[in-house]
Amino acid sequence: VFFYVFVSTSVGLAAAPATTHDVARALGAG
């Protein structure tokens, strides 16, 4: 099961739009 969960989690963690990352950085989030 390891690779199934690893790949799906990795893809999901990269799925957030770049704009949400920009907002988080602008608010000072680490």
PDB file of all heavy atoms in Angstrom:
ATOM      1  N   VAL A   1       0.810  -1.225   0.000  1.00  0.00           N
ATOM      2  CA  VAL A   1       0.000   0.000   0.000  1.00  0.00           C
ATOM      3  C   VAL A   1       0.840   1.271   0.000  1.00  0.00           C
ATOM      4  O   VAL A   1       0.314   2.355  -0.288  1.00  0.00           O
ATOM      5  CB  VAL A   1      -0.954   0.037   1.220  1.00  0.00           C
ATOM      6  CG1 VAL A   1      -1.747  -1.242   1.317  1.00  0.00           C
ATOM      7  CG2 VAL A   1      -0.209   0.278   2.516  1.00  0.00           C
ATOM      8  N   PHE A   2       2.130   1.162   0.322  1.00  0.00           N
ATOM      9  CA  PHE A   2       2.933   2.361   0.556  1.00  0.00           C
ATOM     10  C   PHE A   2       2.926   3.317  -0.636  1.00  0.00           C
ATOM     11  O   PHE A   2       2.636   4.517  -0.492  1.00  0.00           O
ATOM     12  CB  PHE A   2       4.379   1.953   0.890  1.00  0.00           C
ATOM     13  CG  PHE A   2       5.294   3.126   1.099  1.00  0.00           C
ATOM     14  CD1 PHE A   2       5.405   3.719   2.341  1.00  0.00           C
ATOM     15  CD2 PHE A   2       6.044   3.632   0.058  1.00  0.00           C
ATOM     16  CE1 PHE A   2       6.244   4.806   2.539  1.00  0.00           C
ATOM     17  CE2 PHE A   2       6.890   4.719   0.232  1.00  0.00           C
ATOM     18  CZ  PHE A   2       6.991   5.300   1.485  1.00  0.00           C
ATOM     19  N   PHE A   3       3.216   2.811  -1.823  1.00  0.00           N
ATOM     20  CA  PHE A   3       3.393   3.699  -2.972  1.00  0.00           C
ATOM     21  C   PHE A   3       2.069   4.330  -3.394  1.00  0.00           C
ATOM     22  O   PHE A   3       2.038   5.479  -3.841  1.00  0.00           O
ATOM     23  CB  PHE A   3       4.017   2.930  -4.131  1.00  0.00           C
ATOM     24  CG  PHE A   3       4.653   3.821  -5.169  1.00  0.00           C
ATOM     25  CD1 PHE A   3       5.743   4.602  -4.842  1.00  0.00           C
ATOM     26  CD2 PHE A   3       4.162   3.878  -6.448  1.00  0.00           C
ATOM     27  CE1 PHE A   3       6.347   5.425  -5.788  1.00  0.00           C
ATOM     28  CE2 PHE A   3       4.747   4.697  -7.407  1.00  0.00           C
ATOM     29  CZ  PHE A   3       5.843   5.476  -7.071  1.00  0.00           C
ATOM     30  N   TYR A   4       0.967   3.583  -3.274  1.00  0.00           N
ATOM     31  CA  TYR A   4      -0.339   4.156  -3.609  1.00  0.00           C
ATOM     32  C   TYR A   4      -0.610   5.409  -2.781  1.00  0.00           C
ATOM     33  O   TYR A   4      -0.995   6.459  -3.303  1.00  0.00           O
ATOM     34  CB  TYR A   4      -1.457   3.138  -3.353  1.00  0.00           C
ATOM     35  CG  TYR A   4      -1.459   1.950  -4.277  1.00  0.00           C
ATOM     36  CD1 TYR A   4      -1.263   0.663  -3.789  1.00  0.00           C
ATOM     37  CD2 TYR A   4      -1.692   2.104  -5.630  1.00  0.00           C
ATOM     38  CE1 TYR A   4      -1.284  -0.433  -4.628  1.00  0.00           C
ATOM     39  CE2 TYR A   4      -1.714   1.012  -6.481  1.00  0.00           C
ATOM     40  CZ  TYR A   4      -1.505  -0.251  -5.976  1.00  0.00           C
ATOM     41  OH  TYR A   4      -1.524  -1.343  -6.807  1.00  0.00           O
ATOM     42  N   VAL A   5      -0.434   5.286  -1.476  1.00  0.00           N
ATOM     43  CA  VAL A   5      -0.731   6.414  -0.583  1.00  0.00           C
ATOM     44  C   VAL A   5       0.300   7.518  -0.753  1.00  0.00           C
ATOM     45  O   VAL A   5      -0.041   8.704  -0.734  1.00  0.00           O
ATOM     46  CB  VAL A   5      -0.792   5.928   0.877  1.00  0.00           C
ATOM     47  CG1 VAL A   5      -1.074   7.094   1.823  1.00  0.00           C
ATOM     48  CG2 VAL A   5      -1.869   4.857   1.044  1.00  0.00           C
ATOM     49  N   PHE A   6       1.555   7.154  -0.957  1.00  0.00           N
ATOM     50  CA  PHE A   6       2.602   8.171  -1.105  1.00  0.00           C
ATOM     51  C   PHE A   6       2.357   9.022  -2.342  1.00  0.00           C
ATOM     52  O   PHE A   6       2.411  10.256  -2.286  1.00  0.00           O
ATOM     53  CB  PHE A   6       3.971   7.506  -1.183  1.00  0.00           C
ATOM     54  CG  PHE A   6       5.098   8.483  -1.409  1.00  0.00           C
ATOM     55  CD1 PHE A   6       5.633   9.199  -0.359  1.00  0.00           C
ATOM     56  CD2 PHE A   6       5.610   8.686  -2.676  1.00  0.00           C
ATOM     57  CE1 PHE A   6       6.657  10.113  -0.559  1.00  0.00           C
ATOM     58  CE2 PHE A   6       6.634   9.596  -2.897  1.00  0.00           C
ATOM     59  CZ  PHE A   6       7.161  10.308  -1.833  1.00  0.00           C
ATOM     60  N   VAL A   7       2.087   8.382  -3.482  1.00  0.00           N
ATOM     61  CA  VAL A   7       1.871   9.127  -4.726  1.00  0.00           C
ATOM     62  C   VAL A   7       0.628  10.000  -4.623  1.00  0.00           C
ATOM     63  O   VAL A   7       0.643  11.188  -4.985  1.00  0.00           O
ATOM     64  CB  VAL A   7       1.757   8.165  -5.925  1.00  0.00           C
ATOM     65  CG1 VAL A   7       1.286   8.901  -7.168  1.00  0.00           C
ATOM     66  CG2 VAL A   7       3.113   7.517  -6.200  1.00  0.00           C
ATOM     67  N   SER A   8      -0.469   9.431  -4.143  1.00  0.00           N
ATOM     68  CA  SER A   8      -1.709  10.212  -4.068  1.00  0.00           C
ATOM     69  C   SER A   8      -1.566  11.377  -3.099  1.00  0.00           C
ATOM     70  O   SER A   8      -2.075  12.481  -3.366  1.00  0.00           O
ATOM     71  CB  SER A   8      -2.870   9.314  -3.653  1.00  0.00           C
ATOM     72  OG  SER A   8      -2.640   8.739  -2.378  1.00  0.00           O
ATOM     73  N   THR A   9      -0.870  11.176  -1.989  1.00  0.00           N
ATOM     74  CA  THR A   9      -0.668  12.267  -1.038  1.00  0.00           C
ATOM     75  C   THR A   9       0.245  13.336  -1.625  1.00  0.00           C
ATOM     76  O   THR A   9      -0.014  14.542  -1.475  1.00  0.00           O
ATOM     77  CB  THR A   9      -0.072  11.732   0.275  1.00  0.00           C
ATOM     78  OG1 THR A   9      -0.920  10.718   0.807  1.00  0.00           O
ATOM     79  CG2 THR A   9       0.066  12.846   1.303  1.00  0.00           C
ATOM     80  N   SER A  10       1.307  12.922  -2.296  1.00  0.00           N
ATOM     81  CA  SER A  10       2.236  13.883  -2.903  1.00  0.00           C
ATOM     82  C   SER A  10       1.535  14.733  -3.950  1.00  0.00           C
ATOM     83  O   SER A  10       1.712  15.957  -3.998  1.00  0.00           O
ATOM     84  CB  SER A  10       3.422  13.142  -3.530  1.00  0.00           C
ATOM     85  OG  SER A  10       4.144  12.426  -2.550  1.00  0.00           O
ATOM     86  N   VAL A  11       0.725  14.088  -4.797  1.00  0.00           N
ATOM     87  CA  VAL A  11      -0.010  14.838  -5.819  1.00  0.00           C
ATOM     88  C   VAL A  11      -1.012  15.781  -5.169  1.00  0.00           C
ATOM     89  O   VAL A  11      -1.169  16.935  -5.571  1.00  0.00           O
ATOM     90  CB  VAL A  11      -0.717  13.863  -6.780  1.00  0.00           C
ATOM     91  CG1 VAL A  11      -1.651  14.617  -7.719  1.00  0.00           C
ATOM     92  CG2 VAL A  11       0.305  13.093  -7.581  1.00  0.00           C
ATOM     93  N   GLY A  12      -1.686  15.311  -4.134  1.00  0.00           N
ATOM     94  CA  GLY A  12      -2.650  16.156  -3.449  1.00  0.00           C
ATOM     95  C   GLY A  12      -2.017  17.351  -2.769  1.00  0.00           C
ATOM     96  O   GLY A  12      -2.559  18.465  -2.798  1.00  0.00           O
ATOM     97  N   LEU A  13      -0.855  17.152  -2.169  1.00  0.00           N
ATOM     98  CA  LEU A  13      -0.168  18.266  -1.499  1.00  0.00           C
ATOM     99  C   LEU A  13       0.311  19.317  -2.493  1.00  0.00           C
ATOM    100  O   LEU A  13       0.534  20.475  -2.125  1.00  0.00           O
ATOM    101  CB  LEU A  13       1.022  17.736  -0.694  1.00  0.00           C
ATOM    102  CG  LEU A  13       0.664  16.913   0.551  1.00  0.00           C
ATOM    103  CD1 LEU A  13       1.916  16.280   1.151  1.00  0.00           C
ATOM    104  CD2 LEU A  13      -0.034  17.778   1.595  1.00  0.00           C
ATOM    105  N   ALA A  14       0.493  18.909  -3.755  1.00  0.00           N
ATOM    106  CA  ALA A  14       0.901  19.869  -4.788  1.00  0.00           C
ATOM    107  C   ALA A  14      -0.276  20.468  -5.530  1.00  0.00           C
ATOM    108  O   ALA A  14      -0.087  21.210  -6.489  1.00  0.00           O
ATOM    109  CB  ALA A  14       1.824  19.173  -5.789  1.00  0.00           C
ATOM    110  N   ALA A  15      -1.508  20.161  -5.080  1.00  0.00           N
ATOM    111  CA  ALA A  15      -2.691  20.553  -5.842  1.00  0.00           C
ATOM    112  C   ALA A  15      -3.214  21.942  -5.493  1.00  0.00           C
ATOM    113  O   ALA A  15      -4.015  22.487  -6.236  1.00  0.00           O
ATOM    114  CB  ALA A  15      -3.802  19.532  -5.628  1.00  0.00           C
ATOM    115  N   ALA A  16      -2.801  22.484  -4.352  1.00  0.00           N
ATOM    116  CA  ALA A  16      -3.319  23.799  -3.974  1.00  0.00           C
ATOM    117  C   ALA A  16      -2.861  24.858  -4.974  1.00  0.00           C
ATOM    118  O   ALA A  16      -1.690  24.889  -5.362  1.00  0.00           O
ATOM    119  CB  ALA A  16      -2.842  24.165  -2.573  1.00  0.00           C
ATOM    120  N   PRO A  17      -3.756  25.742  -5.435  1.00  0.00           N
ATOM    121  CA  PRO A  17      -3.368  26.776  -6.400  1.00  0.00           C
ATOM    122  C   PRO A  17      -2.267  27.678  -5.855  1.00  0.00           C
ATOM    123  O   PRO A  17      -2.157  27.901  -4.650  1.00  0.00           O
ATOM    124  CB  PRO A  17      -4.672  27.561  -6.610  1.00  0.00           C
ATOM    125  CG  PRO A  17      -5.760  26.632  -6.193  1.00  0.00           C
ATOM    126  CD  PRO A  17      -5.192  25.789  -5.101  1.00  0.00           C
ATOM    127  N   ALA A  18      -1.454  28.199  -6.763  1.00  0.00           N
ATOM    128  CA  ALA A  18      -0.347  29.075  -6.359  1.00  0.00           C
ATOM    129  C   ALA A  18      -0.847  30.315  -5.635  1.00  0.00           C
ATOM    130  O   ALA A  18      -0.154  30.855  -4.755  1.00  0.00           O
ATOM    131  CB  ALA A  18       0.464  29.475  -7.591  1.00  0.00           C
ATOM    132  N   THR A  19      -2.060  30.777  -5.962  1.00  0.00           N
ATOM    133  CA  THR A  19      -2.586  31.981  -5.315  1.00  0.00           C
ATOM    134  C   THR A  19      -2.784  31.771  -3.815  1.00  0.00           C
ATOM    135  O   THR A  19      -2.573  32.695  -3.018  1.00  0.00           O
ATOM    136  CB  THR A  19      -3.924  32.382  -5.953  1.00  0.00           C
ATOM    137  OG1 THR A  19      -4.811  31.246  -5.951  1.00  0.00           O
ATOM    138  CG2 THR A  19      -3.720  32.847  -7.383  1.00  0.00           C
ATOM    139  N   THR A  20      -3.189  30.555  -3.414  1.00  0.00           N
ATOM    140  CA  THR A  20      -3.371  30.303  -1.986  1.00  0.00           C
ATOM    141  C   THR A  20      -2.033  30.292  -1.256  1.00  0.00           C
ATOM    142  O   THR A  20      -1.942  30.732  -0.103  1.00  0.00           O
ATOM    143  CB  THR A  20      -4.087  28.965  -1.770  1.00  0.00           C
ATOM    144  OG1 THR A  20      -3.318  27.899  -2.353  1.00  0.00           O
ATOM    145  CG2 THR A  20      -5.465  28.972  -2.408  1.00  0.00           C
ATOM    146  N   HIS A  21      -0.977  29.815  -1.913  1.00  0.00           N
ATOM    147  CA  HIS A  21       0.361  29.890  -1.310  1.00  0.00           C
ATOM    148  C   HIS A  21       0.782  31.351  -1.143  1.00  0.00           C
ATOM    149  O   HIS A  21       1.377  31.726  -0.120  1.00  0.00           O
ATOM    150  CB  HIS A  21       1.372  29.145  -2.192  1.00  0.00           C
ATOM    151  CG  HIS A  21       1.249  27.651  -2.128  1.00  0.00           C
ATOM    152  ND1 HIS A  21       1.956  26.881  -1.238  1.00  0.00           N
ATOM    153  CD2 HIS A  21       0.491  26.782  -2.849  1.00  0.00           C
ATOM    154  CE1 HIS A  21       1.653  25.611  -1.404  1.00  0.00           C
ATOM    155  NE2 HIS A  21       0.771  25.522  -2.387  1.00  0.00           N
ATOM    156  N   ASP A  22       0.492  32.155  -2.149  1.00  0.00           N
ATOM    157  CA  ASP A  22       0.852  33.578  -2.068  1.00  0.00           C
ATOM    158  C   ASP A  22       0.125  34.262  -0.917  1.00  0.00           C
ATOM    159  O   ASP A  22       0.711  35.070  -0.179  1.00  0.00           O
ATOM    160  CB  ASP A  22       0.517  34.273  -3.388  1.00  0.00           C
ATOM    161  CG  ASP A  22       1.355  33.759  -4.550  1.00  0.00           C
ATOM    162  OD1 ASP A  22       2.446  33.203  -4.278  1.00  0.00           O
ATOM    163  OD2 ASP A  22       0.921  33.899  -5.711  1.00  0.00           O
ATOM    164  N   VAL A  23      -1.149  33.946  -0.744  1.00  0.00           N
ATOM    165  CA  VAL A  23      -1.912  34.541   0.355  1.00  0.00           C
ATOM    166  C   VAL A  23      -1.338  34.113   1.700  1.00  0.00           C
ATOM    167  O   VAL A  23      -1.204  34.927   2.627  1.00  0.00           O
ATOM    168  CB  VAL A  23      -3.399  34.146   0.241  1.00  0.00           C
ATOM    169  CG1 VAL A  23      -4.163  34.566   1.490  1.00  0.00           C
ATOM    170  CG2 VAL A  23      -4.028  34.754  -0.993  1.00  0.00           C
ATOM    171  N   ALA A  24      -0.990  32.815   1.818  1.00  0.00           N
ATOM    172  CA  ALA A  24      -0.434  32.320   3.078  1.00  0.00           C
ATOM    173  C   ALA A  24       0.882  33.020   3.405  1.00  0.00           C
ATOM    174  O   ALA A  24       1.135  33.411   4.562  1.00  0.00           O
ATOM    175  CB  ALA A  24      -0.235  30.807   2.996  1.00  0.00           C
ATOM    176  N   ARG A  25       1.740  33.195   2.383  1.00  0.00           N
ATOM    177  CA  ARG A  25       3.016  33.885   2.626  1.00  0.00           C
ATOM    178  C   ARG A  25       2.775  35.341   2.996  1.00  0.00           C
ATOM    179  O   ARG A  25       3.467  35.903   3.858  1.00  0.00           O
ATOM    180  CB  ARG A  25       3.905  33.781   1.388  1.00  0.00           C
ATOM    181  CG  ARG A  25       4.586  32.427   1.227  1.00  0.00           C
ATOM    182  CD  ARG A  25       5.716  32.501   0.207  1.00  0.00           C
ATOM    183  NE  ARG A  25       5.187  32.789  -1.131  1.00  0.00           N
ATOM    184  CZ  ARG A  25       4.845  31.850  -2.008  1.00  0.00           C
ATOM    185  NH1 ARG A  25       4.954  30.570  -1.678  1.00  0.00           N
ATOM    186  NH2 ARG A  25       4.386  32.178  -3.214  1.00  0.00           N
ATOM    187  N   ALA A  26       1.804  35.986   2.334  1.00  0.00           N
ATOM    188  CA  ALA A  26       1.514  37.390   2.638  1.00  0.00           C
ATOM    189  C   ALA A  26       1.023  37.564   4.070  1.00  0.00           C
ATOM    190  O   ALA A  26       1.252  38.616   4.689  1.00  0.00           O
ATOM    191  CB  ALA A  26       0.470  37.925   1.660  1.00  0.00           C
ATOM    192  N   LEU A  27       0.370  36.553   4.617  1.00  0.00           N
ATOM    193  CA  LEU A  27      -0.114  36.614   5.993  1.00  0.00           C
ATOM    194  C   LEU A  27       0.935  36.161   6.995  1.00  0.00           C
ATOM    195  O   LEU A  27       0.643  36.075   8.194  1.00  0.00           O
ATOM    196  CB  LEU A  27      -1.375  35.751   6.132  1.00  0.00           C
ATOM    197  CG  LEU A  27      -2.601  36.220   5.338  1.00  0.00           C
ATOM    198  CD1 LEU A  27      -3.735  35.214   5.464  1.00  0.00           C
ATOM    199  CD2 LEU A  27      -3.049  37.595   5.813  1.00  0.00           C
ATOM    200  N   GLY A  28       2.138  35.853   6.502  1.00  0.00           N
ATOM    201  CA  GLY A  28       3.237  35.490   7.390  1.00  0.00           C
ATOM    202  C   GLY A  28       3.263  34.038   7.815  1.00  0.00           C
ATOM    203  O   GLY A  28       3.947  33.692   8.785  1.00  0.00           O
ATOM    204  N   ALA A  29       2.547  33.169   7.128  1.00  0.00           N
ATOM    205  CA  ALA A  29       2.541  31.750   7.496  1.00  0.00           C
ATOM    206  C   ALA A  29       3.860  31.089   7.125  1.00  0.00           C
ATOM    207  O   ALA A  29       4.393  31.312   6.031  1.00  0.00           O
ATOM    208  CB  ALA A  29       1.390  31.038   6.793  1.00  0.00           C
ATOM    209  N   GLY A  30       4.397  30.274   8.017  1.00  0.00           N
ATOM    210  CA  GLY A  30       5.606  29.517   7.735  1.00  0.00           C
ATOM    211  C   GLY A  30       5.298  28.294   6.897  1.00  0.00           C
ATOM    212  O   GLY A  30       4.150  28.047   6.504  1.00  0.00           O
TER     213      GLY A  30
END
